[in-house]
Amino acid sequence: MQVRVNYSHMSEVTRTDISENGTPAQQPMSESSIPVISDYQGKPTILLNPGGRYPFSMGMAKARMVLNNVRYIQHFVDTNGAAVE
């Protein structure tokens, strides 16, 4: 079962892309990039970038891991892959 989540309560949904000079650039998300909530073997999953070239799906354990490490991920993006301090 797939459910397209209504994100209209958010003021602006954006994604971060790396611009031509290597710095993060915020861009509005297209309708095909809005995450889809689904399930796999009875467990909830989220599919990020469902209509894009590189869709990415994860369950609750990986989602929690990402949230616990978001500052390191942000540093990785901000520094274009430099070592985490």
Protein backbone atom coordinates (compact mmCIF):
# COMPACT_ATOMS: atom_id res chain seq x y z
CA MET A 1 0.00 0.00 0.00
CA GLN A 2 1.38 3.40 -0.98
CA VAL A 3 0.21 6.72 0.37
CA ARG A 4 1.28 10.07 -1.01
CA VAL A 5 1.68 12.26 2.06
CA ASN A 6 0.11 15.72 2.09
CA TYR A 7 2.90 18.18 2.86
CA SER A 8 0.77 21.30 2.28
CA HIS A 9 1.16 22.23 5.97
CA MET A 10 4.82 23.00 5.32
CA SER A 11 5.52 26.53 4.11
CA GLU A 12 7.94 25.39 1.42
CA VAL A 13 9.33 21.94 0.75
CA THR A 14 12.84 22.19 -0.61
CA ARG A 15 15.64 19.88 -1.57
CA THR A 16 19.36 20.52 -1.46
CA ASP A 17 21.32 20.11 -4.65
CA ILE A 18 24.99 20.81 -5.19
CA SER A 19 25.31 23.85 -7.42
CA GLU A 20 27.87 24.18 -10.19
CA ASN A 21 30.41 25.71 -7.81
CA GLY A 22 30.02 22.84 -5.32
CA THR A 23 27.90 24.60 -2.72
CA PRO A 24 24.44 23.50 -1.58
CA ALA A 25 21.57 25.19 -3.41
CA GLN A 26 17.99 25.00 -2.14
CA GLN A 27 15.36 24.33 -4.81
CA PRO A 28 11.61 23.71 -4.54
CA MET A 29 10.67 20.03 -4.78
CA SER A 30 8.64 18.91 -7.77
CA GLU A 31 5.43 16.96 -7.26
CA SER A 32 7.20 13.77 -8.40
CA SER A 33 9.81 14.24 -5.64
CA ILE A 34 7.37 14.34 -2.73
CA PRO A 35 7.99 11.33 -0.45
CA VAL A 36 5.64 8.34 -0.50
CA ILE A 37 4.84 6.36 2.65
CA SER A 38 4.45 2.64 2.03
CA ASP A 39 5.13 -0.64 3.75
CA TYR A 40 7.38 -3.63 3.21
CA GLN A 41 6.45 -6.92 4.84
CA GLY A 42 4.10 -5.04 7.15
CA LYS A 43 6.64 -2.44 8.28
CA PRO A 44 6.44 1.26 7.33
CA THR A 45 8.83 2.67 4.74
CA ILE A 46 9.37 6.05 3.16
CA LEU A 47 10.37 6.47 -0.48
CA LEU A 48 12.29 9.66 -1.12
CA ASN A 49 12.49 11.14 -4.62
CA PRO A 50 9.97 8.61 -6.02
CA GLY A 51 9.75 10.12 -9.50
CA GLY A 52 13.41 11.01 -9.77
CA ARG A 53 16.42 9.34 -11.26
CA TYR A 54 17.63 8.04 -7.89
CA PRO A 55 14.71 7.05 -5.62
CA PHE A 56 15.69 6.05 -2.08
CA SER A 57 13.65 3.95 0.31
CA MET A 58 14.20 3.26 4.00
CA GLY A 59 12.43 1.94 7.04
CA MET A 60 12.17 3.23 10.58
CA ALA A 61 15.61 2.02 11.75
CA LYS A 62 17.50 3.80 8.96
CA ALA A 63 15.27 6.88 9.27
CA ARG A 64 16.15 7.09 12.99
CA MET A 65 19.83 6.65 12.17
CA VAL A 66 19.67 9.50 9.63
CA LEU A 67 17.91 11.78 12.12
CA ASN A 68 20.50 10.98 14.80
CA ASN A 69 23.30 11.90 12.37
CA VAL A 70 21.76 14.81 10.47
CA ARG A 71 24.43 17.27 11.64
CA TYR A 72 27.17 15.06 10.19
CA ILE A 73 25.25 14.64 6.95
CA GLN A 74 24.77 18.42 6.77
CA HIS A 75 28.52 18.96 7.31
CA PHE A 76 29.28 16.40 4.61
CA VAL A 77 27.05 18.29 2.14
CA ASP A 78 28.24 21.74 3.23
CA THR A 79 31.92 20.81 2.79
CA ASN A 80 31.40 18.78 -0.38
CA GLY A 81 32.58 15.55 1.26
CA ALA A 82 35.27 16.70 3.67
CA ALA A 83 36.01 14.60 6.73
CA VAL A 84 33.53 14.78 9.59
CA GLU A 85 34.94 16.65 12.59
